[in-house]
Amino acid sequence: MTTDRLAVFDLDGTLVDTAPDLSDTTNVVLAGQGLPPISPAILRDFIGMGARAMIEKALHEHGVELTEREIDVLRDEFVDHYATRLARHSRPFPEMVAALDALDAAGIAAAVCTNKREGLARQLLDELSLSARFVALTGGDTFAVSKPDPLPLLRTIALAGGDPARTAYVGDSRIDYETARAARIPMVGVTYGYSDVPIAELGPERLCGPGEDVAAAIASLLPPAA
């Protein structure tokens, strides 16, 4: 399979607003430790760093310190519970639904490169009826390394039959920015996602806020159709 032009998307905070279910799952884990819930606003910027980072942030807010092994156990509990409810409240961002429609009409293929576990990412996209939109999907456990190492993005492009010189990346976080830079892929940064550093401060090639045309930003970074 070869792909003429390709857009690769991050998942959490870029394609799908997963914060509600991820925050709820964190609070279920806290409840199991006899701890009160944490505001989703406090956890939001840690979503892109994975379940462990969210748990550690929540424990820190309560002044609780656990061993690495104890946190590993909580992370496994988190993943098990999250799999039962990952699309209960999570929904694709409307800007991304419009972008996928426009990309399809323009003959630009789409793929996903996320640090979410591949199985969970596939399950989420299946439950949201989005899987058919993408020619390739890779997760944080697909390869031996995860983002911001450039390998997952470059391998995703290869799996999609794409060419890095004819690819744009779409993400919301510092990790996404660092990944794109390391892979030398131009980036569209969305400002409404989850990042410990505002994406606008990092300077991706294009920025899109709420309601803006993500597909047009992607197309502006790609060469003409072959």
Protein backbone atom coordinates (compact mmCIF):
# COMPACT_ATOMS: atom_id res chain seq x y z
CA MET A 1 0.00 0.00 0.00
CA THR A 2 1.23 3.48 -0.85
CA THR A 3 -0.23 6.74 0.36
CA ASP A 4 0.25 9.96 -1.59
CA ARG A 5 -0.35 12.44 1.24
CA LEU A 6 -0.83 11.62 4.91
CA ALA A 7 -1.96 13.28 8.14
CA VAL A 8 -0.95 11.51 11.37
CA PHE A 9 -2.95 12.38 14.49
CA ASP A 10 -2.34 12.09 18.19
CA LEU A 11 -5.39 10.69 20.01
CA ASP A 12 -6.01 12.00 23.54
CA GLY A 13 -6.65 15.74 23.45
CA THR A 14 -6.27 15.89 19.68
CA LEU A 15 -8.79 13.59 18.03
CA VAL A 16 -10.89 12.76 21.07
CA ASP A 17 -11.72 14.60 24.29
CA THR A 18 -10.92 11.71 26.61
CA ALA A 19 -10.42 13.80 29.74
CA PRO A 20 -13.80 12.97 31.36
CA ASP A 21 -13.31 9.19 31.36
CA LEU A 22 -9.62 9.37 32.23
CA SER A 23 -10.29 11.71 35.16
CA ASP A 24 -13.17 9.56 36.39
CA THR A 25 -10.96 6.47 36.23
CA THR A 26 -8.24 8.22 38.23
CA ASN A 27 -10.79 9.06 40.89
CA VAL A 28 -11.97 5.44 41.02
CA VAL A 29 -8.38 4.43 41.74
CA LEU A 30 -8.13 7.10 44.45
CA ALA A 31 -11.36 5.91 46.04
CA GLY A 32 -9.84 2.44 46.29
CA GLN A 33 -7.12 4.02 48.43
CA GLY A 34 -9.65 5.82 50.60
CA LEU A 35 -8.82 9.18 49.03
CA PRO A 36 -11.28 11.85 47.86
CA PRO A 37 -11.62 12.73 44.16
CA ILE A 38 -9.39 15.23 42.35
CA SER A 39 -10.77 17.93 40.10
CA PRO A 40 -10.50 17.05 36.39
CA ALA A 41 -8.98 20.51 35.83
CA ILE A 42 -5.96 19.52 37.95
CA LEU A 43 -5.44 16.27 36.04
CA ARG A 44 -6.06 17.64 32.53
CA ASP A 45 -2.49 18.73 31.73
CA PHE A 46 -1.13 15.31 32.76
CA ILE A 47 -3.34 13.23 30.48
CA GLY A 48 -0.82 13.22 27.63
CA MET A 49 1.81 11.75 29.94
CA GLY A 50 -0.12 8.56 30.63
CA ALA A 51 -1.98 6.83 33.45
CA ARG A 52 1.00 6.65 35.76
CA ALA A 53 1.60 10.41 35.59
CA MET A 54 -2.06 11.10 36.33
CA ILE A 55 -2.00 8.78 39.34
CA GLU A 56 1.23 10.32 40.64
CA LYS A 57 -0.19 13.83 40.24
CA ALA A 58 -3.37 12.86 42.08
CA LEU A 59 -1.40 11.26 44.93
CA HIS A 60 0.84 14.32 45.14
CA GLU A 61 -2.22 16.57 45.47
CA HIS A 62 -3.22 14.50 48.51
CA GLY A 63 0.30 14.48 49.93
CA VAL A 64 0.55 10.71 49.55
CA GLU A 65 3.78 8.93 48.64
CA LEU A 66 3.77 5.32 47.45
CA THR A 67 6.51 2.99 46.31
CA GLU A 68 7.13 2.35 42.62
CA ARG A 69 5.61 -1.10 43.00
CA GLU A 70 2.49 0.27 44.68
CA ILE A 71 2.05 2.78 41.86
CA ASP A 72 2.50 -0.04 39.33
CA VAL A 73 -0.41 -1.86 40.99
CA LEU A 74 -2.58 1.27 40.84
CA ARG A 75 -1.67 1.78 37.18
CA ASP A 76 -2.80 -1.77 36.38
CA GLU A 77 -6.06 -1.15 38.27
CA PHE A 78 -6.49 2.05 36.28
CA VAL A 79 -6.06 0.30 32.92
CA ASP A 80 -8.43 -2.51 33.86
CA HIS A 81 -11.17 -0.12 34.95
CA TYR A 82 -10.64 2.32 32.08
CA ALA A 83 -11.15 -0.47 29.53
CA THR A 84 -14.68 -0.95 30.86
CA ARG A 85 -15.72 2.66 30.38
CA LEU A 86 -13.33 4.40 27.99
CA ALA A 87 -16.05 5.79 25.70
CA ARG A 88 -18.71 6.54 28.30
CA HIS A 89 -18.18 10.31 28.12
CA SER A 90 -15.30 10.68 25.62
CA ARG A 91 -16.23 12.17 22.26
CA PRO A 92 -14.31 13.26 19.15
CA PHE A 93 -13.66 16.97 18.96
CA PRO A 94 -16.04 18.47 16.36
CA GLU A 95 -13.09 20.14 14.61
CA MET A 96 -11.60 16.71 14.01
CA VAL A 97 -14.77 15.17 12.63
CA ALA A 98 -14.91 18.03 10.12
CA ALA A 99 -11.19 17.65 9.38
CA LEU A 100 -11.46 13.92 8.68
CA ASP A 101 -14.36 14.54 6.31
CA ALA A 102 -12.40 17.22 4.46
CA LEU A 103 -9.21 15.16 4.28
CA ASP A 104 -11.10 12.21 2.85
CA ALA A 105 -12.66 14.46 0.21
CA ALA A 106 -9.19 15.80 -0.67
CA GLY A 107 -7.63 12.34 -0.96
CA ILE A 108 -5.39 12.82 2.10
CA ALA A 109 -5.10 9.64 4.19
CA ALA A 110 -5.18 9.66 8.00
CA ALA A 111 -3.38 7.60 10.65
CA VAL A 112 -3.05 7.64 14.44
CA CYS A 113 0.12 7.63 16.54
CA THR A 114 -0.65 7.74 20.26
CA ASN A 115 1.03 6.93 23.55
CA LYS A 116 -2.20 5.26 24.72
CA ARG A 117 -1.87 1.47 24.72
CA GLU A 118 -2.63 0.21 21.24
CA GLY A 119 -5.42 -2.10 22.39
CA LEU A 120 -7.17 0.69 24.29
CA ALA A 121 -6.74 3.08 21.37
CA ARG A 122 -8.31 0.59 18.97
CA GLN A 123 -11.13 -0.11 21.40
CA LEU A 124 -11.84 3.61 21.81
CA LEU A 125 -11.91 4.29 18.09
CA ASP A 126 -14.08 1.21 17.53
CA GLU A 127 -16.59 2.32 20.16
CA LEU A 128 -16.70 5.83 18.65
CA SER A 129 -17.11 4.37 15.11
CA LEU A 130 -13.91 6.08 13.96
CA SER A 131 -11.62 3.13 13.18
CA ALA A 132 -12.48 2.99 9.49
CA ARG A 133 -11.19 6.54 9.09
CA PHE A 134 -7.55 5.52 9.57
CA VAL A 135 -5.18 3.47 7.46
CA ALA A 136 -2.82 2.77 10.39
CA LEU A 137 -2.81 3.02 14.17
CA THR A 138 0.07 2.60 16.62
CA GLY A 139 0.14 2.94 20.40
CA GLY A 140 2.56 3.50 23.22
CA ASP A 141 3.26 -0.22 23.49
CA THR A 142 3.44 -0.97 19.75
CA PHE A 143 7.19 -0.37 19.65
CA ALA A 144 10.01 -0.59 22.18
CA VAL A 145 9.92 3.20 22.59
CA SER A 146 7.13 5.77 22.72
CA LYS A 147 6.77 9.44 21.86
CA PRO A 148 8.64 11.82 22.02
CA ASP A 149 11.07 9.37 20.43
CA PRO A 150 10.55 9.90 16.69
CA LEU A 151 10.48 6.18 15.87
CA PRO A 152 6.75 5.63 16.56
CA LEU A 153 5.77 8.50 14.26
CA LEU A 154 8.14 7.43 11.49
CA ARG A 155 7.04 3.79 11.77
CA THR A 156 3.39 4.84 11.69
CA ILE A 157 4.06 6.72 8.47
CA ALA A 158 5.71 3.62 7.03
CA LEU A 159 2.82 1.37 8.10
CA ALA A 160 0.43 3.78 6.40
CA GLY A 161 2.44 3.55 3.19
CA GLY A 162 3.36 7.20 3.47
CA ASP A 163 6.43 9.34 2.87
CA PRO A 164 7.72 11.62 5.68
CA ALA A 165 8.21 14.35 3.08
CA ARG A 166 4.49 14.17 2.27
CA THR A 167 3.19 13.92 5.84
CA ALA A 168 1.92 16.36 8.47
CA TYR A 169 1.44 15.59 12.16
CA VAL A 170 -1.40 16.88 14.35
CA GLY A 171 -1.05 17.05 18.13
CA ASP A 172 -1.88 19.01 21.25
CA SER A 173 1.04 18.62 23.64
CA ARG A 174 4.69 19.27 24.33
CA ILE A 175 5.33 15.57 23.75
CA ASP A 176 3.73 15.83 20.31
CA TYR A 177 5.78 18.90 19.47
CA GLU A 178 9.03 17.20 20.51
CA THR A 179 8.07 14.11 18.50
CA ALA A 180 7.39 16.10 15.35
CA ARG A 181 10.63 18.02 15.68
CA ALA A 182 12.68 14.88 16.22
CA ALA A 183 11.06 13.22 13.20
CA ARG A 184 11.36 16.41 11.10
CA ILE A 185 7.66 16.35 10.30
CA PRO A 186 5.71 19.65 10.15
CA MET A 187 3.05 19.99 12.81
CA VAL A 188 -0.40 21.41 13.31
CA GLY A 189 -0.86 22.18 17.00
CA VAL A 190 -4.38 22.30 18.45
CA THR A 191 -4.80 24.65 21.38
CA TYR A 192 -7.74 22.95 23.10
CA GLY A 193 -6.00 19.73 24.15
CA TYR A 194 -3.91 18.63 27.11
CA SER A 195 -0.37 19.93 27.55
CA ASP A 196 1.86 20.92 30.45
CA VAL A 197 3.17 23.72 28.20
CA PRO A 198 0.71 25.69 26.03
CA ILE A 199 1.23 24.49 22.48
CA ALA A 200 1.15 28.08 21.21
CA GLU A 201 4.35 28.77 23.19
CA LEU A 202 6.21 25.97 21.42
CA GLY A 203 5.76 27.28 17.90
CA PRO A 204 4.48 24.49 15.64
CA GLU A 205 4.17 25.36 11.96
CA ARG A 206 0.41 25.88 12.28
CA LEU A 207 -1.94 26.52 15.20
CA CYS A 208 -5.66 25.78 15.31
CA GLY A 209 -8.01 26.88 18.05
CA PRO A 210 -11.62 25.86 18.70
CA GLY A 211 -13.73 25.97 15.55
CA GLU A 212 -10.81 26.54 13.18
CA ASP A 213 -10.20 24.53 10.00
CA VAL A 214 -7.70 21.81 10.88
CA ALA A 215 -7.87 20.20 7.42
CA ALA A 216 -6.88 23.47 5.75
CA ALA A 217 -3.93 23.81 8.13
CA ILE A 218 -2.83 20.26 7.32
CA ALA A 219 -3.17 20.78 3.58
CA SER A 220 -1.05 23.94 3.80
CA LEU A 221 1.86 21.83 5.09
CA LEU A 222 1.65 19.19 2.38
CA PRO A 223 2.84 19.27 -1.22
CA PRO A 224 0.28 19.15 -4.03
CA ALA A 225 -1.25 15.80 -4.89
CA ALA A 226 1.04 13.67 -7.02
